[in-house]
Amino acid sequence: MFEIRRGDAVERHYMRAIPTDALCLTCHGETVAPELAAAIARNYPGDQATGFKLGQLRGAFSVVWPATSLPPTP
């Protein structure tokens, strides 16, 4: 967690990596079952979140909130 100060405003930021686990490979791996690939193409046109290998970083979760909403960081 880290803080960013912009003038008098302070924001807290938290970021966590999204590693590729074995279950993720069902939809995001190098080999996706044809019927699943068709459903992904139908529901997520232009999706490029495939081709990953076990342990690769797929992205990150990021949360931002005003520092006044929580007690100060120790």
N, C-alpha and C. Protein backbone atom coordinates (compact mmCIF):
# COMPACT_ATOMS: atom_id res chain seq x y z
N MET A 1 0.86 -1.16 0.00
CA MET A 1 0.00 0.00 0.00
C MET A 1 0.91 1.23 0.00
N PHE A 2 0.47 2.26 -0.70
CA PHE A 2 1.21 3.51 -0.72
C PHE A 2 0.24 4.67 -0.81
N GLU A 3 0.72 5.87 -0.50
CA GLU A 3 -0.12 7.07 -0.55
C GLU A 3 0.41 8.01 -1.62
N ILE A 4 -0.52 8.72 -2.25
CA ILE A 4 -0.19 9.77 -3.21
C ILE A 4 -0.82 11.05 -2.71
N ARG A 5 -0.02 12.08 -2.62
CA ARG A 5 -0.52 13.40 -2.17
C ARG A 5 -0.66 14.31 -3.38
N ARG A 6 -1.83 14.92 -3.49
CA ARG A 6 -2.12 15.90 -4.55
C ARG A 6 -2.65 17.14 -3.87
N GLY A 7 -1.77 18.08 -3.61
CA GLY A 7 -2.18 19.26 -2.86
C GLY A 7 -2.55 18.85 -1.45
N ASP A 8 -3.76 19.20 -1.01
CA ASP A 8 -4.23 18.82 0.32
C ASP A 8 -4.87 17.44 0.34
N ALA A 9 -5.12 16.86 -0.82
CA ALA A 9 -5.78 15.54 -0.89
C ALA A 9 -4.74 14.42 -0.82
N VAL A 10 -5.11 13.37 -0.10
CA VAL A 10 -4.25 12.20 -0.01
C VAL A 10 -5.07 10.97 -0.39
N GLU A 11 -4.53 10.18 -1.32
CA GLU A 11 -5.18 8.93 -1.73
C GLU A 11 -4.30 7.77 -1.31
N ARG A 12 -4.95 6.69 -0.89
CA ARG A 12 -4.24 5.45 -0.62
C ARG A 12 -4.46 4.51 -1.80
N HIS A 13 -3.42 3.81 -2.15
CA HIS A 13 -3.45 2.89 -3.28
C HIS A 13 -2.98 1.51 -2.83
N TYR A 14 -3.65 0.48 -3.33
CA TYR A 14 -3.24 -0.89 -3.08
C TYR A 14 -3.27 -1.62 -4.41
N MET A 15 -2.22 -2.38 -4.69
CA MET A 15 -2.16 -3.12 -5.94
C MET A 15 -1.68 -4.53 -5.63
N ARG A 16 -2.30 -5.52 -6.30
CA ARG A 16 -1.91 -6.91 -6.11
C ARG A 16 -1.86 -7.60 -7.47
N ALA A 17 -0.80 -8.33 -7.72
CA ALA A 17 -0.61 -9.03 -8.98
C ALA A 17 -1.64 -10.15 -9.14
N ILE A 18 -1.97 -10.46 -10.40
CA ILE A 18 -2.85 -11.58 -10.72
C ILE A 18 -2.00 -12.63 -11.44
N PRO A 19 -1.46 -13.60 -10.69
CA PRO A 19 -0.69 -14.66 -11.35
C PRO A 19 -1.63 -15.69 -11.97
N THR A 20 -1.17 -16.37 -12.99
CA THR A 20 -1.96 -17.39 -13.66
C THR A 20 -1.82 -18.71 -12.92
N ASP A 21 -2.91 -19.18 -12.32
CA ASP A 21 -2.95 -20.48 -11.65
C ASP A 21 -3.45 -21.53 -12.65
N ALA A 22 -3.39 -22.79 -12.25
CA ALA A 22 -3.81 -23.89 -13.13
C ALA A 22 -5.26 -23.71 -13.60
N LEU A 23 -6.17 -23.34 -12.71
CA LEU A 23 -7.57 -23.17 -13.09
C LEU A 23 -7.75 -22.07 -14.14
N CYS A 24 -6.94 -21.02 -14.05
CA CYS A 24 -7.02 -19.90 -15.01
C CYS A 24 -6.76 -20.36 -16.45
N LEU A 25 -5.92 -21.39 -16.57
CA LEU A 25 -5.52 -21.85 -17.90
C LEU A 25 -6.67 -22.43 -18.70
N THR A 26 -7.75 -22.81 -18.04
CA THR A 26 -8.93 -23.33 -18.74
C THR A 26 -9.41 -22.33 -19.79
N CYS A 27 -9.46 -21.06 -19.41
CA CYS A 27 -9.94 -20.02 -20.32
C CYS A 27 -8.82 -19.14 -20.87
N HIS A 28 -7.72 -19.04 -20.13
CA HIS A 28 -6.67 -18.09 -20.50
C HIS A 28 -5.37 -18.75 -20.95
N GLY A 29 -5.36 -20.07 -21.06
CA GLY A 29 -4.14 -20.80 -21.41
C GLY A 29 -3.85 -20.80 -22.90
N GLU A 30 -2.79 -21.53 -23.23
CA GLU A 30 -2.37 -21.63 -24.64
C GLU A 30 -3.32 -22.49 -25.45
N THR A 31 -3.96 -23.47 -24.81
CA THR A 31 -4.90 -24.35 -25.48
C THR A 31 -6.26 -24.23 -24.79
N VAL A 32 -7.25 -23.76 -25.51
CA VAL A 32 -8.61 -23.59 -24.97
C VAL A 32 -9.54 -24.49 -25.78
N ALA A 33 -10.40 -25.23 -25.10
CA ALA A 33 -11.34 -26.13 -25.78
C ALA A 33 -12.14 -25.35 -26.83
N PRO A 34 -12.37 -25.94 -28.00
CA PRO A 34 -13.05 -25.23 -29.09
C PRO A 34 -14.39 -24.62 -28.69
N GLU A 35 -15.24 -25.37 -27.95
CA GLU A 35 -16.55 -24.83 -27.57
C GLU A 35 -16.40 -23.66 -26.60
N LEU A 36 -15.39 -23.73 -25.73
CA LEU A 36 -15.14 -22.62 -24.80
C LEU A 36 -14.58 -21.42 -25.56
N ALA A 37 -13.68 -21.65 -26.49
CA ALA A 37 -13.12 -20.57 -27.31
C ALA A 37 -14.23 -19.86 -28.08
N ALA A 38 -15.22 -20.63 -28.58
CA ALA A 38 -16.35 -20.03 -29.31
C ALA A 38 -17.20 -19.18 -28.38
N ALA A 39 -17.44 -19.65 -27.16
CA ALA A 39 -18.23 -18.88 -26.18
C ALA A 39 -17.51 -17.59 -25.79
N ILE A 40 -16.19 -17.68 -25.61
CA ILE A 40 -15.41 -16.49 -25.27
C ILE A 40 -15.49 -15.48 -26.42
N ALA A 41 -15.31 -15.96 -27.65
CA ALA A 41 -15.37 -15.07 -28.82
C ALA A 41 -16.74 -14.42 -28.95
N ARG A 42 -17.80 -15.17 -28.65
CA ARG A 42 -19.16 -14.65 -28.75
C ARG A 42 -19.44 -13.60 -27.66
N ASN A 43 -19.02 -13.89 -26.43
CA ASN A 43 -19.33 -13.02 -25.30
C ASN A 43 -18.32 -11.91 -25.05
N TYR A 44 -17.10 -12.10 -25.52
CA TYR A 44 -16.03 -11.11 -25.32
C TYR A 44 -15.30 -10.87 -26.63
N PRO A 45 -15.98 -10.25 -27.60
CA PRO A 45 -15.34 -10.02 -28.90
C PRO A 45 -14.05 -9.20 -28.75
N GLY A 46 -13.04 -9.62 -29.43
CA GLY A 46 -11.77 -8.90 -29.37
C GLY A 46 -10.91 -9.25 -28.16
N ASP A 47 -11.36 -10.21 -27.36
CA ASP A 47 -10.60 -10.62 -26.17
C ASP A 47 -9.24 -11.16 -26.57
N GLN A 48 -8.20 -10.74 -25.87
CA GLN A 48 -6.85 -11.20 -26.16
C GLN A 48 -6.20 -11.83 -24.93
N ALA A 49 -7.01 -12.19 -23.94
CA ALA A 49 -6.47 -12.71 -22.67
C ALA A 49 -6.29 -14.22 -22.71
N THR A 50 -5.62 -14.71 -23.75
CA THR A 50 -5.31 -16.13 -23.85
C THR A 50 -3.82 -16.28 -24.17
N GLY A 51 -3.35 -17.52 -24.10
CA GLY A 51 -1.96 -17.77 -24.41
C GLY A 51 -1.03 -17.71 -23.21
N PHE A 52 -1.59 -17.64 -22.00
CA PHE A 52 -0.77 -17.56 -20.80
C PHE A 52 -0.28 -18.94 -20.38
N LYS A 53 0.84 -18.94 -19.63
CA LYS A 53 1.41 -20.15 -19.06
C LYS A 53 1.30 -20.07 -17.55
N LEU A 54 1.37 -21.21 -16.90
CA LEU A 54 1.28 -21.29 -15.45
C LEU A 54 2.30 -20.35 -14.80
N GLY A 55 1.82 -19.51 -13.88
CA GLY A 55 2.68 -18.60 -13.14
C GLY A 55 2.90 -17.25 -13.77
N GLN A 56 2.52 -17.07 -15.04
CA GLN A 56 2.71 -15.77 -15.68
C GLN A 56 1.79 -14.73 -15.06
N LEU A 57 2.22 -13.49 -15.07
CA LEU A 57 1.42 -12.38 -14.57
C LEU A 57 0.39 -11.99 -15.62
N ARG A 58 -0.91 -12.00 -15.23
CA ARG A 58 -1.99 -11.64 -16.17
C ARG A 58 -2.44 -10.20 -16.00
N GLY A 59 -2.00 -9.54 -14.96
CA GLY A 59 -2.41 -8.16 -14.70
C GLY A 59 -2.36 -7.89 -13.22
N ALA A 60 -3.16 -6.91 -12.77
CA ALA A 60 -3.17 -6.56 -11.35
C ALA A 60 -4.51 -5.97 -10.96
N PHE A 61 -4.88 -6.21 -9.70
CA PHE A 61 -6.03 -5.53 -9.12
C PHE A 61 -5.52 -4.24 -8.51
N SER A 62 -6.26 -3.15 -8.68
CA SER A 62 -5.85 -1.87 -8.14
C SER A 62 -7.04 -1.21 -7.44
N VAL A 63 -6.82 -0.77 -6.20
CA VAL A 63 -7.87 -0.11 -5.43
C VAL A 63 -7.34 1.25 -4.96
N VAL A 64 -8.16 2.29 -5.09
CA VAL A 64 -7.79 3.63 -4.65
C VAL A 64 -8.90 4.17 -3.78
N TRP A 65 -8.54 4.79 -2.65
CA TRP A 65 -9.54 5.40 -1.78
C TRP A 65 -8.93 6.61 -1.08
N PRO A 66 -9.78 7.56 -0.64
CA PRO A 66 -9.27 8.73 0.07
C PRO A 66 -8.68 8.31 1.42
N ALA A 67 -7.54 8.88 1.78
CA ALA A 67 -6.88 8.52 3.03
C ALA A 67 -7.72 8.88 4.25
N THR A 68 -8.64 9.82 4.12
CA THR A 68 -9.46 10.23 5.26
C THR A 68 -10.47 9.17 5.68
N SER A 69 -10.67 8.14 4.81
CA SER A 69 -11.67 7.12 5.13
C SER A 69 -11.14 6.04 6.06
N LEU A 70 -9.83 6.01 6.30
CA LEU A 70 -9.22 5.01 7.18
C LEU A 70 -8.24 5.69 8.14
N PRO A 71 -7.89 5.02 9.23
CA PRO A 71 -6.88 5.58 10.12
C PRO A 71 -5.54 5.69 9.42
N PRO A 72 -4.62 6.51 9.91
CA PRO A 72 -3.33 6.69 9.26
C PRO A 72 -2.56 5.37 9.16
N THR A 73 -1.72 5.28 8.15
CA THR A 73 -0.86 4.11 7.96
C THR A 73 0.21 4.12 9.05
N PRO A 74 0.49 2.97 9.67
CA PRO A 74 1.53 2.93 10.71
C PRO A 74 2.91 3.21 10.17
